[in-house]
Amino acid sequence: MSATREYVNPAAMEAGKPVLSVVAPFYRDNPVPLLETLAGQAAELEKPVEIVLFDDGRPDPDLNARVEQALESLPVPACLVTAARNVGRAAARNRLAAAARGDWLLYLDADMDVPDGFLAAYLEAIDVDDFDAAFGGYSPGPATDPRHRLHAALAATSDVHDAASRTRIGATAVCSSNLLVRASLMARTPFDDGFTGWGWEDVDWAVRADKAGRLIHLDNPARHDGWQEAPVLLAKFRDAATNYARLLGKHPELARLPGAKAARTMRALPGQQALRGLWSLLARMPAAPLRLRTLALKLWRASWAAEALS
């Protein structure tokens, strides 16, 4: 287990047990804007809220110091946990759960933004409904940089759904950001840190959590601004293939999903690996139609998943 260092701000030293712990990992992203927004909302609530951040690997000591300085002056309880080395998405979220003191945990990503009344809406949901976990969804921020148009187009086709649509999809529509969960459920069903790097640890968690408790979908979206360029997406999808194989190995029932079907179809095509260069080229080509670029990116992902499944 990687060594960690904790900084607890003055407000936390005088605070009692919170109802809600807002927890967020970060790796190079600056969480201070989100931190300040959350603190402003939390200060206006009647129920106590704390904020817990996890710096996954301390890649930027200057950023770490700025975050600690921002925490010091906050009027709400807050804690910064810093890992000596990068532990990955799944393990980072488990570390956050261990550091949090609230009865409920709200997972966010550091590059998110939340609207007015965001925390209040979750606290109201806790009071009026009986559930163990809820995914609030997300809304995409504007992709003003042309290099981010592909990522935005992909998100629009696969990730942006209202609660009714996500409810029909079920647990596989859950993401690990903007996820509200009882601390007791998280203790029973932690993230599987056998998922390394990026991808699919949230779907695995949701499928298991849906069997251990009541998981619902709500319309309380957070805005996600973490757009990435085509080369980064291509690398992530390539590297996530091993995680995808792990997901299907743990949950064979997910083989019916479109992504798994596409991977099996791709695996049956002789020499399909030779086409990866074409798909990569199309995905990177700004002048190509977005639909074609999005399709190429999905074929690239299916190709690598097919190899991991074989």
C-alpha atoms as a PDB file:
ATOM      1  CA  MET A   1       0.000   0.000   0.000  1.00  0.00           C
ATOM      2  CA  SER A   2       1.336   3.392  -0.982  1.00  0.00           C
ATOM      3  CA  ALA A   3       2.276   5.710   1.895  1.00  0.00           C
ATOM      4  CA  THR A   4       0.092   8.776   2.328  1.00  0.00           C
ATOM      5  CA  ARG A   5       0.273  12.122   4.061  1.00  0.00           C
ATOM      6  CA  GLU A   6      -2.803  13.900   5.450  1.00  0.00           C
ATOM      7  CA  TYR A   7      -3.513  17.568   5.967  1.00  0.00           C
ATOM      8  CA  VAL A   8      -6.639  18.449   7.960  1.00  0.00           C
ATOM      9  CA  ASN A   9      -7.782  22.060   7.910  1.00  0.00           C
ATOM     10  CA  PRO A  10      -8.615  24.067  11.079  1.00  0.00           C
ATOM     11  CA  ALA A  11     -12.379  23.853  10.480  1.00  0.00           C
ATOM     12  CA  ALA A  12     -12.216  20.048  10.539  1.00  0.00           C
ATOM     13  CA  MET A  13     -10.492  20.010  13.909  1.00  0.00           C
ATOM     14  CA  GLU A  14     -13.515  21.645  15.531  1.00  0.00           C
ATOM     15  CA  ALA A  15     -16.259  19.856  13.564  1.00  0.00           C
ATOM     16  CA  GLY A  16     -18.435  16.919  14.531  1.00  0.00           C
ATOM     17  CA  LYS A  17     -19.368  13.989  12.327  1.00  0.00           C
ATOM     18  CA  PRO A  18     -20.647  15.111   8.903  1.00  0.00           C
ATOM     19  CA  VAL A  19     -23.723  13.733   7.186  1.00  0.00           C
ATOM     20  CA  LEU A  20     -22.089  13.972   3.765  1.00  0.00           C
ATOM     21  CA  SER A  21     -18.473  13.660   2.676  1.00  0.00           C
ATOM     22  CA  VAL A  22     -17.760  15.076  -0.774  1.00  0.00           C
ATOM     23  CA  VAL A  23     -14.740  13.139  -2.024  1.00  0.00           C
ATOM     24  CA  ALA A  24     -12.647  13.779  -5.128  1.00  0.00           C
ATOM     25  CA  PRO A  25      -9.375  12.360  -6.430  1.00  0.00           C
ATOM     26  CA  PHE A  26      -7.099  14.438  -8.624  1.00  0.00           C
ATOM     27  CA  TYR A  27      -4.034  13.798 -10.725  1.00  0.00           C
ATOM     28  CA  ARG A  28      -2.539  16.942 -12.238  1.00  0.00           C
ATOM     29  CA  ASP A  29      -6.009  18.566 -12.493  1.00  0.00           C
ATOM     30  CA  ASN A  30      -6.464  21.614 -10.272  1.00  0.00           C
ATOM     31  CA  PRO A  31      -9.359  20.923  -7.839  1.00  0.00           C
ATOM     32  CA  VAL A  32      -9.374  24.400  -6.259  1.00  0.00           C
ATOM     33  CA  PRO A  33     -12.221  25.892  -8.376  1.00  0.00           C
ATOM     34  CA  LEU A  34     -14.465  22.914  -7.557  1.00  0.00           C
ATOM     35  CA  LEU A  35     -13.341  23.029  -3.938  1.00  0.00           C
ATOM     36  CA  GLU A  36     -14.326  26.677  -3.577  1.00  0.00           C
ATOM     37  CA  THR A  37     -17.735  26.115  -5.182  1.00  0.00           C
ATOM     38  CA  LEU A  38     -18.478  23.155  -2.925  1.00  0.00           C
ATOM     39  CA  ALA A  39     -17.327  25.001   0.176  1.00  0.00           C
ATOM     40  CA  GLY A  40     -19.594  27.930  -0.665  1.00  0.00           C
ATOM     41  CA  GLN A  41     -22.600  25.636  -0.955  1.00  0.00           C
ATOM     42  CA  ALA A  42     -21.705  23.570   2.117  1.00  0.00           C
ATOM     43  CA  ALA A  43     -21.395  26.679   4.292  1.00  0.00           C
ATOM     44  CA  GLU A  44     -25.049  27.521   3.608  1.00  0.00           C
ATOM     45  CA  LEU A  45     -26.437  24.093   4.520  1.00  0.00           C
ATOM     46  CA  GLU A  46     -27.956  23.150   7.863  1.00  0.00           C
ATOM     47  CA  LYS A  47     -26.485  19.650   7.764  1.00  0.00           C
ATOM     48  CA  PRO A  48     -22.719  19.263   8.172  1.00  0.00           C
ATOM     49  CA  VAL A  49     -20.664  18.493   5.070  1.00  0.00           C
ATOM     50  CA  GLU A  50     -16.942  17.799   4.730  1.00  0.00           C
ATOM     51  CA  ILE A  51     -14.681  17.748   1.680  1.00  0.00           C
ATOM     52  CA  VAL A  52     -11.921  15.170   1.213  1.00  0.00           C
ATOM     53  CA  LEU A  53      -9.405  15.342  -1.645  1.00  0.00           C
ATOM     54  CA  PHE A  54      -6.889  12.709  -2.739  1.00  0.00           C
ATOM     55  CA  ASP A  55      -3.762  13.726  -4.658  1.00  0.00           C
ATOM     56  CA  ASP A  56      -2.972  10.527  -6.521  1.00  0.00           C
ATOM     57  CA  GLY A  57       0.792  10.492  -6.641  1.00  0.00           C
ATOM     58  CA  ARG A  58       1.786  14.095  -5.963  1.00  0.00           C
ATOM     59  CA  PRO A  59       3.015  14.691  -9.508  1.00  0.00           C
ATOM     60  CA  ASP A  60       3.076  18.453  -8.943  1.00  0.00           C
ATOM     61  CA  PRO A  61       4.318  19.641  -5.527  1.00  0.00           C
ATOM     62  CA  ASP A  62       3.382  23.246  -6.348  1.00  0.00           C
ATOM     63  CA  LEU A  63      -0.214  22.240  -7.101  1.00  0.00           C
ATOM     64  CA  ASN A  64      -0.339  20.163  -3.931  1.00  0.00           C
ATOM     65  CA  ALA A  65       0.840  23.162  -1.912  1.00  0.00           C
ATOM     66  CA  ARG A  66      -1.774  25.443  -3.534  1.00  0.00           C
ATOM     67  CA  VAL A  67      -4.533  22.961  -2.685  1.00  0.00           C
ATOM     68  CA  GLU A  68      -3.370  22.743   0.921  1.00  0.00           C
ATOM     69  CA  GLN A  69      -3.294  26.532   1.153  1.00  0.00           C
ATOM     70  CA  ALA A  70      -6.831  26.737  -0.241  1.00  0.00           C
ATOM     71  CA  LEU A  71      -8.066  24.221   2.314  1.00  0.00           C
ATOM     72  CA  GLU A  72      -6.570  26.143   5.203  1.00  0.00           C
ATOM     73  CA  SER A  73      -8.877  29.116   4.809  1.00  0.00           C
ATOM     74  CA  LEU A  74     -12.076  27.189   4.071  1.00  0.00           C
ATOM     75  CA  PRO A  75     -14.957  27.648   6.535  1.00  0.00           C
ATOM     76  CA  VAL A  76     -15.998  23.983   6.168  1.00  0.00           C
ATOM     77  CA  PRO A  77     -14.146  20.833   7.277  1.00  0.00           C
ATOM     78  CA  ALA A  78     -11.719  19.591   4.649  1.00  0.00           C
ATOM     79  CA  CYS A  79      -8.879  17.132   4.302  1.00  0.00           C
ATOM     80  CA  LEU A  80      -6.162  16.521   1.716  1.00  0.00           C
ATOM     81  CA  VAL A  81      -4.678  13.035   1.443  1.00  0.00           C
ATOM     82  CA  THR A  82      -1.515  12.840  -0.658  1.00  0.00           C
ATOM     83  CA  ALA A  83      -0.126   9.559  -1.965  1.00  0.00           C
ATOM     84  CA  ALA A  84       3.593   9.028  -2.381  1.00  0.00           C
ATOM     85  CA  ARG A  85       2.979   7.281  -5.706  1.00  0.00           C
ATOM     86  CA  ASN A  86       0.115   6.917  -8.160  1.00  0.00           C
ATOM     87  CA  VAL A  87      -2.340   4.198  -7.107  1.00  0.00           C
ATOM     88  CA  GLY A  88      -4.966   4.498  -9.875  1.00  0.00           C
ATOM     89  CA  ARG A  89      -8.635   5.350 -10.080  1.00  0.00           C
ATOM     90  CA  ALA A  90     -10.101   2.395  -8.183  1.00  0.00           C
ATOM     91  CA  ALA A  91      -7.615   2.424  -5.311  1.00  0.00           C
ATOM     92  CA  ALA A  92      -7.839   6.226  -5.021  1.00  0.00           C
ATOM     93  CA  ARG A  93     -11.589   6.045  -4.525  1.00  0.00           C
ATOM     94  CA  ASN A  94     -11.151   3.394  -1.844  1.00  0.00           C
ATOM     95  CA  ARG A  95      -8.610   5.616  -0.073  1.00  0.00           C
ATOM     96  CA  LEU A  96     -11.115   8.457  -0.139  1.00  0.00           C
ATOM     97  CA  ALA A  97     -13.792   6.242   1.410  1.00  0.00           C
ATOM     98  CA  ALA A  98     -11.380   5.268   4.175  1.00  0.00           C
ATOM     99  CA  ALA A  99     -10.539   8.908   4.925  1.00  0.00           C
ATOM    100  CA  ALA A 100     -14.134  10.196   4.858  1.00  0.00           C
ATOM    101  CA  ARG A 101     -16.207  10.417   8.050  1.00  0.00           C
ATOM    102  CA  GLY A 102     -19.700  10.978   6.668  1.00  0.00           C
ATOM    103  CA  ASP A 103     -22.601   8.540   6.520  1.00  0.00           C
ATOM    104  CA  TRP A 104     -22.828   9.326   2.802  1.00  0.00           C
ATOM    105  CA  LEU A 105     -20.077   9.767   0.227  1.00  0.00           C
ATOM    106  CA  LEU A 106     -20.395  11.894  -2.907  1.00  0.00           C
ATOM    107  CA  TYR A 107     -17.744  11.098  -5.515  1.00  0.00           C
ATOM    108  CA  LEU A 108     -16.827  13.869  -7.953  1.00  0.00           C
ATOM    109  CA  ASP A 109     -13.979  14.407 -10.396  1.00  0.00           C
ATOM    110  CA  ALA A 110     -11.660  17.331  -9.834  1.00  0.00           C
ATOM    111  CA  ASP A 111     -12.362  18.833 -13.269  1.00  0.00           C
ATOM    112  CA  MET A 112     -16.111  19.018 -12.689  1.00  0.00           C
ATOM    113  CA  ASP A 113     -18.277  22.031 -11.956  1.00  0.00           C
ATOM    114  CA  VAL A 114     -21.569  21.917 -10.063  1.00  0.00           C
ATOM    115  CA  PRO A 115     -24.643  24.168 -10.300  1.00  0.00           C
ATOM    116  CA  ASP A 116     -26.250  26.168  -7.506  1.00  0.00           C
ATOM    117  CA  GLY A 117     -28.199  23.955  -5.124  1.00  0.00           C
ATOM    118  CA  PHE A 118     -26.252  20.839  -6.089  1.00  0.00           C
ATOM    119  CA  LEU A 119     -25.395  19.640  -2.568  1.00  0.00           C
ATOM    120  CA  ALA A 120     -28.791  20.687  -1.210  1.00  0.00           C
ATOM    121  CA  ALA A 121     -30.519  18.546  -3.840  1.00  0.00           C
ATOM    122  CA  TYR A 122     -28.589  15.468  -2.747  1.00  0.00           C
ATOM    123  CA  LEU A 123     -29.302  16.070   0.936  1.00  0.00           C
ATOM    124  CA  GLU A 124     -32.998  16.431   0.111  1.00  0.00           C
ATOM    125  CA  ALA A 125     -32.908  13.155  -1.843  1.00  0.00           C
ATOM    126  CA  ILE A 126     -31.350  11.420   1.160  1.00  0.00           C
ATOM    127  CA  ASP A 127     -34.214  12.669   3.328  1.00  0.00           C
ATOM    128  CA  VAL A 128     -37.132  11.802   1.031  1.00  0.00           C
ATOM    129  CA  ASP A 129     -36.116   8.548  -0.667  1.00  0.00           C
ATOM    130  CA  ASP A 130     -34.858   5.152   0.454  1.00  0.00           C
ATOM    131  CA  PHE A 131     -31.798   4.149  -1.562  1.00  0.00           C
ATOM    132  CA  ASP A 132     -28.195   3.140  -1.049  1.00  0.00           C
ATOM    133  CA  ALA A 133     -26.530   4.745  -4.061  1.00  0.00           C
ATOM    134  CA  ALA A 134     -27.525   7.272  -6.712  1.00  0.00           C
ATOM    135  CA  PHE A 135     -25.892   8.481  -9.897  1.00  0.00           C
ATOM    136  CA  GLY A 136     -26.817  12.066 -10.699  1.00  0.00           C
ATOM    137  CA  GLY A 137     -25.552  12.148 -14.295  1.00  0.00           C
ATOM    138  CA  TYR A 138     -23.438  14.761 -15.940  1.00  0.00           C
ATOM    139  CA  SER A 139     -23.741  17.495 -18.495  1.00  0.00           C
ATOM    140  CA  PRO A 140     -20.889  18.255 -20.885  1.00  0.00           C
ATOM    141  CA  GLY A 141     -19.188  21.600 -20.776  1.00  0.00           C
ATOM    142  CA  PRO A 142     -18.593  23.452 -24.053  1.00  0.00           C
ATOM    143  CA  ALA A 143     -15.878  21.995 -26.277  1.00  0.00           C
ATOM    144  CA  THR A 144     -14.548  25.316 -27.510  1.00  0.00           C
ATOM    145  CA  ASP A 145     -11.201  23.894 -28.662  1.00  0.00           C
ATOM    146  CA  PRO A 146     -11.530  22.118 -32.073  1.00  0.00           C
ATOM    147  CA  ARG A 147      -9.172  19.427 -30.780  1.00  0.00           C
ATOM    148  CA  HIS A 148     -11.853  18.402 -28.269  1.00  0.00           C
ATOM    149  CA  ARG A 149     -14.746  18.027 -30.718  1.00  0.00           C
ATOM    150  CA  LEU A 150     -14.283  14.267 -31.049  1.00  0.00           C
ATOM    151  CA  HIS A 151     -14.492  13.687 -27.297  1.00  0.00           C
ATOM    152  CA  ALA A 152     -17.594  15.847 -27.035  1.00  0.00           C
ATOM    153  CA  ALA A 153     -19.253  14.000 -29.913  1.00  0.00           C
ATOM    154  CA  LEU A 154     -18.459  10.641 -28.333  1.00  0.00           C
ATOM    155  CA  ALA A 155     -19.899  11.764 -24.984  1.00  0.00           C
ATOM    156  CA  ALA A 156     -23.081  12.966 -26.663  1.00  0.00           C
ATOM    157  CA  THR A 157     -23.666   9.535 -28.199  1.00  0.00           C
ATOM    158  CA  SER A 158     -22.843   7.386 -25.185  1.00  0.00           C
ATOM    159  CA  ASP A 159     -22.699   9.190 -21.838  1.00  0.00           C
ATOM    160  CA  VAL A 160     -25.207  12.037 -21.636  1.00  0.00           C
ATOM    161  CA  HIS A 161     -28.578  10.679 -20.541  1.00  0.00           C
ATOM    162  CA  ASP A 162     -31.334  11.868 -18.231  1.00  0.00           C
ATOM    163  CA  ALA A 163     -32.356   9.810 -15.198  1.00  0.00           C
ATOM    164  CA  ALA A 164     -35.238   8.092 -16.978  1.00  0.00           C
ATOM    165  CA  SER A 165     -32.956   6.898 -19.786  1.00  0.00           C
ATOM    166  CA  ARG A 166     -30.282   5.784 -17.357  1.00  0.00           C
ATOM    167  CA  THR A 167     -32.845   3.902 -15.289  1.00  0.00           C
ATOM    168  CA  ARG A 168     -33.795   1.895 -18.361  1.00  0.00           C
ATOM    169  CA  ILE A 169     -30.133   1.093 -18.979  1.00  0.00           C
ATOM    170  CA  GLY A 170     -29.550   0.146 -15.345  1.00  0.00           C
ATOM    171  CA  ALA A 171     -26.350  -0.215 -13.368  1.00  0.00           C
ATOM    172  CA  THR A 172     -24.083  -0.080 -16.411  1.00  0.00           C
ATOM    173  CA  ALA A 173     -25.044   3.588 -16.906  1.00  0.00           C
ATOM    174  CA  VAL A 174     -23.359   4.532 -13.606  1.00  0.00           C
ATOM    175  CA  CYS A 175     -20.064   6.435 -13.505  1.00  0.00           C
ATOM    176  CA  SER A 176     -17.760   6.903 -10.544  1.00  0.00           C
ATOM    177  CA  SER A 177     -18.100  10.681 -10.729  1.00  0.00           C
ATOM    178  CA  ASN A 178     -21.213  12.379  -9.363  1.00  0.00           C
ATOM    179  CA  LEU A 179     -21.959   9.171  -7.473  1.00  0.00           C
ATOM    180  CA  LEU A 180     -23.700   9.361  -4.100  1.00  0.00           C
ATOM    181  CA  VAL A 181     -23.390   6.225  -1.942  1.00  0.00           C
ATOM    182  CA  ARG A 182     -23.899   5.170   1.643  1.00  0.00           C
ATOM    183  CA  ALA A 183     -20.577   4.731   3.407  1.00  0.00           C
ATOM    184  CA  SER A 184     -21.822   1.394   4.740  1.00  0.00           C
ATOM    185  CA  LEU A 185     -22.464   0.122   1.198  1.00  0.00           C
ATOM    186  CA  MET A 186     -19.044   1.287   0.070  1.00  0.00           C
ATOM    187  CA  ALA A 187     -17.467  -0.540   2.981  1.00  0.00           C
ATOM    188  CA  ARG A 188     -19.163  -3.762   1.825  1.00  0.00           C
ATOM    189  CA  THR A 189     -18.503  -3.235  -1.876  1.00  0.00           C
ATOM    190  CA  PRO A 190     -15.270  -1.292  -2.395  1.00  0.00           C
ATOM    191  CA  PHE A 191     -13.884  -0.605  -5.839  1.00  0.00           C
ATOM    192  CA  ASP A 192     -11.879  -3.511  -7.220  1.00  0.00           C
ATOM    193  CA  ASP A 193      -8.322  -2.191  -7.356  1.00  0.00           C
ATOM    194  CA  GLY A 194      -7.440  -5.033  -9.695  1.00  0.00           C
ATOM    195  CA  PHE A 195      -8.667  -2.591 -12.345  1.00  0.00           C
ATOM    196  CA  THR A 196      -5.523  -0.650 -13.104  1.00  0.00           C
ATOM    197  CA  GLY A 197      -5.198   2.590 -15.005  1.00  0.00           C
ATOM    198  CA  TRP A 198      -8.360   3.938 -16.610  1.00  0.00           C
ATOM    199  CA  GLY A 199     -11.705   2.368 -17.389  1.00  0.00           C
ATOM    200  CA  TRP A 200     -14.523   0.046 -16.317  1.00  0.00           C
ATOM    201  CA  GLU A 201     -13.916  -0.004 -12.564  1.00  0.00           C
ATOM    202  CA  ASP A 202     -17.067   2.083 -12.129  1.00  0.00           C
ATOM    203  CA  VAL A 203     -19.269  -0.321 -14.110  1.00  0.00           C
ATOM    204  CA  ASP A 204     -17.913  -3.276 -12.142  1.00  0.00           C
ATOM    205  CA  TRP A 205     -18.647  -1.451  -8.892  1.00  0.00           C
ATOM    206  CA  ALA A 206     -22.162  -0.498  -9.951  1.00  0.00           C
ATOM    207  CA  VAL A 207     -23.104  -4.034 -11.022  1.00  0.00           C
ATOM    208  CA  ARG A 208     -21.950  -5.386  -7.657  1.00  0.00           C
ATOM    209  CA  ALA A 209     -23.505  -2.544  -5.657  1.00  0.00           C
ATOM    210  CA  ASP A 210     -26.834  -2.987  -7.431  1.00  0.00           C
ATOM    211  CA  LYS A 211     -26.948  -6.529  -6.034  1.00  0.00           C
ATOM    212  CA  ALA A 212     -25.929  -5.446  -2.522  1.00  0.00           C
ATOM    213  CA  GLY A 213     -28.264  -2.453  -2.168  1.00  0.00           C
ATOM    214  CA  ARG A 214     -30.735  -0.210  -3.975  1.00  0.00           C
ATOM    215  CA  LEU A 215     -29.118   1.844  -6.748  1.00  0.00           C
ATOM    216  CA  ILE A 216     -31.119   4.618  -8.417  1.00  0.00           C
ATOM    217  CA  HIS A 217     -30.619   7.347 -11.015  1.00  0.00           C
ATOM    218  CA  LEU A 218     -31.338  11.020 -10.327  1.00  0.00           C
ATOM    219  CA  ASP A 219     -31.293  14.204 -12.371  1.00  0.00           C
ATOM    220  CA  ASN A 220     -28.710  16.242 -10.474  1.00  0.00           C
ATOM    221  CA  PRO A 221     -25.976  16.589 -13.101  1.00  0.00           C
ATOM    222  CA  ALA A 222     -22.498  17.928 -12.611  1.00  0.00           C
ATOM    223  CA  ARG A 223     -20.726  19.524 -15.532  1.00  0.00           C
ATOM    224  CA  HIS A 224     -17.657  17.752 -16.842  1.00  0.00           C
ATOM    225  CA  ASP A 225     -15.005  19.889 -18.503  1.00  0.00           C
ATOM    226  CA  GLY A 226     -12.282  17.272 -18.899  1.00  0.00           C
ATOM    227  CA  TRP A 227     -12.219  17.143 -22.709  1.00  0.00           C
ATOM    228  CA  GLN A 228      -9.254  15.344 -24.218  1.00  0.00           C
ATOM    229  CA  GLU A 229      -7.649  15.204 -27.635  1.00  0.00           C
ATOM    230  CA  ALA A 230      -7.906  12.254 -30.014  1.00  0.00           C
ATOM    231  CA  PRO A 231      -4.416  10.807 -29.295  1.00  0.00           C
ATOM    232  CA  VAL A 232      -5.193  10.681 -25.565  1.00  0.00           C
ATOM    233  CA  LEU A 233      -8.530   8.955 -26.177  1.00  0.00           C
ATOM    234  CA  LEU A 234      -6.906   6.413 -28.476  1.00  0.00           C
ATOM    235  CA  ALA A 235      -4.296   5.584 -25.855  1.00  0.00           C
ATOM    236  CA  LYS A 236      -6.885   5.309 -23.087  1.00  0.00           C
ATOM    237  CA  PHE A 237      -9.120   2.973 -25.074  1.00  0.00           C
ATOM    238  CA  ARG A 238      -6.145   0.811 -26.012  1.00  0.00           C
ATOM    239  CA  ASP A 239      -4.933   0.556 -22.426  1.00  0.00           C
ATOM    240  CA  ALA A 240      -8.437  -0.034 -21.007  1.00  0.00           C
ATOM    241  CA  ALA A 241      -8.906  -3.252 -23.003  1.00  0.00           C
ATOM    242  CA  THR A 242      -7.417  -5.354 -20.193  1.00  0.00           C
ATOM    243  CA  ASN A 243      -9.860  -3.814 -17.731  1.00  0.00           C
ATOM    244  CA  TYR A 244     -12.729  -4.555 -20.100  1.00  0.00           C
ATOM    245  CA  ALA A 245     -11.718  -8.207 -20.255  1.00  0.00           C
ATOM    246  CA  ARG A 246     -11.609  -8.261 -16.454  1.00  0.00           C
ATOM    247  CA  LEU A 247     -15.121  -6.760 -16.319  1.00  0.00           C
ATOM    248  CA  LEU A 248     -16.615  -9.399 -18.622  1.00  0.00           C
ATOM    249  CA  GLY A 249     -14.758 -12.153 -16.796  1.00  0.00           C
ATOM    250  CA  LYS A 250     -16.364 -11.077 -13.521  1.00  0.00           C
ATOM    251  CA  HIS A 251     -19.803 -10.432 -15.022  1.00  0.00           C
ATOM    252  CA  PRO A 252     -20.501 -12.806 -17.934  1.00  0.00           C
ATOM    253  CA  GLU A 253     -24.045 -11.451 -18.181  1.00  0.00           C
ATOM    254  CA  LEU A 254     -22.617  -8.222 -19.606  1.00  0.00           C
ATOM    255  CA  ALA A 255     -21.623 -10.077 -22.771  1.00  0.00           C
ATOM    256  CA  ARG A 256     -25.014  -9.043 -24.160  1.00  0.00           C
ATOM    257  CA  LEU A 257     -24.037  -5.352 -24.175  1.00  0.00           C
ATOM    258  CA  PRO A 258     -23.249  -3.647 -27.514  1.00  0.00           C
ATOM    259  CA  GLY A 259     -19.575  -3.136 -26.701  1.00  0.00           C
ATOM    260  CA  ALA A 260     -19.043  -6.823 -25.932  1.00  0.00           C
ATOM    261  CA  LYS A 261     -20.904  -7.841 -29.072  1.00  0.00           C
ATOM    262  CA  ALA A 262     -18.769  -5.486 -31.152  1.00  0.00           C
ATOM    263  CA  ALA A 263     -15.588  -6.966 -29.651  1.00  0.00           C
ATOM    264  CA  ARG A 264     -16.712 -10.521 -30.433  1.00  0.00           C
ATOM    265  CA  THR A 265     -17.595  -9.533 -33.989  1.00  0.00           C
ATOM    266  CA  MET A 266     -14.215  -7.850 -34.393  1.00  0.00           C
ATOM    267  CA  ARG A 267     -12.418 -10.910 -33.027  1.00  0.00           C
ATOM    268  CA  ALA A 268     -13.993 -13.047 -35.767  1.00  0.00           C
ATOM    269  CA  LEU A 269     -12.591 -10.824 -38.545  1.00  0.00           C
ATOM    270  CA  PRO A 270      -9.265 -12.152 -39.899  1.00  0.00           C
ATOM    271  CA  GLY A 271      -6.497  -9.577 -39.742  1.00  0.00           C
ATOM    272  CA  GLN A 272      -8.624  -6.891 -38.113  1.00  0.00           C
ATOM    273  CA  GLN A 273      -5.564  -5.650 -36.186  1.00  0.00           C
ATOM    274  CA  ALA A 274      -4.102  -4.431 -39.480  1.00  0.00           C
ATOM    275  CA  LEU A 275      -6.937  -1.905 -39.756  1.00  0.00           C
ATOM    276  CA  ARG A 276      -6.053  -0.121 -36.532  1.00  0.00           C
ATOM    277  CA  GLY A 277      -3.779   2.279 -38.367  1.00  0.00           C
ATOM    278  CA  LEU A 278      -6.696   3.387 -40.529  1.00  0.00           C
ATOM    279  CA  TRP A 279      -9.026   3.861 -37.569  1.00  0.00           C
ATOM    280  CA  SER A 280      -6.384   5.788 -35.676  1.00  0.00           C
ATOM    281  CA  LEU A 281      -5.763   8.019 -38.689  1.00  0.00           C
ATOM    282  CA  LEU A 282      -9.471   8.743 -39.180  1.00  0.00           C
ATOM    283  CA  ALA A 283     -10.029   9.495 -35.491  1.00  0.00           C
ATOM    284  CA  ARG A 284      -7.145  11.994 -35.545  1.00  0.00           C
ATOM    285  CA  MET A 285      -8.247  13.698 -38.783  1.00  0.00           C
ATOM    286  CA  PRO A 286      -9.876  17.077 -37.979  1.00  0.00           C
ATOM    287  CA  ALA A 287     -11.279  17.448 -41.513  1.00  0.00           C
ATOM    288  CA  ALA A 288     -13.170  14.138 -41.407  1.00  0.00           C
ATOM    289  CA  PRO A 289     -16.889  14.176 -40.495  1.00  0.00           C
ATOM    290  CA  LEU A 290     -17.423  13.790 -36.748  1.00  0.00           C
ATOM    291  CA  ARG A 291     -19.629  10.739 -37.246  1.00  0.00           C
ATOM    292  CA  LEU A 292     -16.844   9.010 -39.148  1.00  0.00           C
ATOM    293  CA  ARG A 293     -14.253   9.970 -36.546  1.00  0.00           C
ATOM    294  CA  THR A 294     -16.500   8.729 -33.727  1.00  0.00           C
ATOM    295  CA  LEU A 295     -17.099   5.440 -35.543  1.00  0.00           C
ATOM    296  CA  ALA A 296     -13.360   5.010 -36.102  1.00  0.00           C
ATOM    297  CA  LEU A 297     -12.715   5.578 -32.403  1.00  0.00           C
ATOM    298  CA  LYS A 298     -15.302   2.960 -31.457  1.00  0.00           C
ATOM    299  CA  LEU A 299     -13.836   0.458 -33.927  1.00  0.00           C
ATOM    300  CA  TRP A 300     -10.387   1.097 -32.466  1.00  0.00           C
ATOM    301  CA  ARG A 301     -11.766   0.397 -28.976  1.00  0.00           C
ATOM    302  CA  ALA A 302     -13.522  -2.785 -30.121  1.00  0.00           C
ATOM    303  CA  SER A 303     -10.349  -4.009 -31.826  1.00  0.00           C
ATOM    304  CA  TRP A 304      -8.268  -3.800 -28.684  1.00  0.00           C
ATOM    305  CA  ALA A 305     -11.076  -5.285 -26.584  1.00  0.00           C
ATOM    306  CA  ALA A 306     -11.262  -8.209 -29.025  1.00  0.00           C
ATOM    307  CA  GLU A 307      -7.572  -8.886 -28.520  1.00  0.00           C
ATOM    308  CA  ALA A 308      -7.906  -8.760 -24.716  1.00  0.00           C
ATOM    309  CA  LEU A 309     -10.838 -11.196 -24.817  1.00  0.00           C
ATOM    310  CA  SER A 310      -9.037 -13.767 -26.965  1.00  0.00           C
END
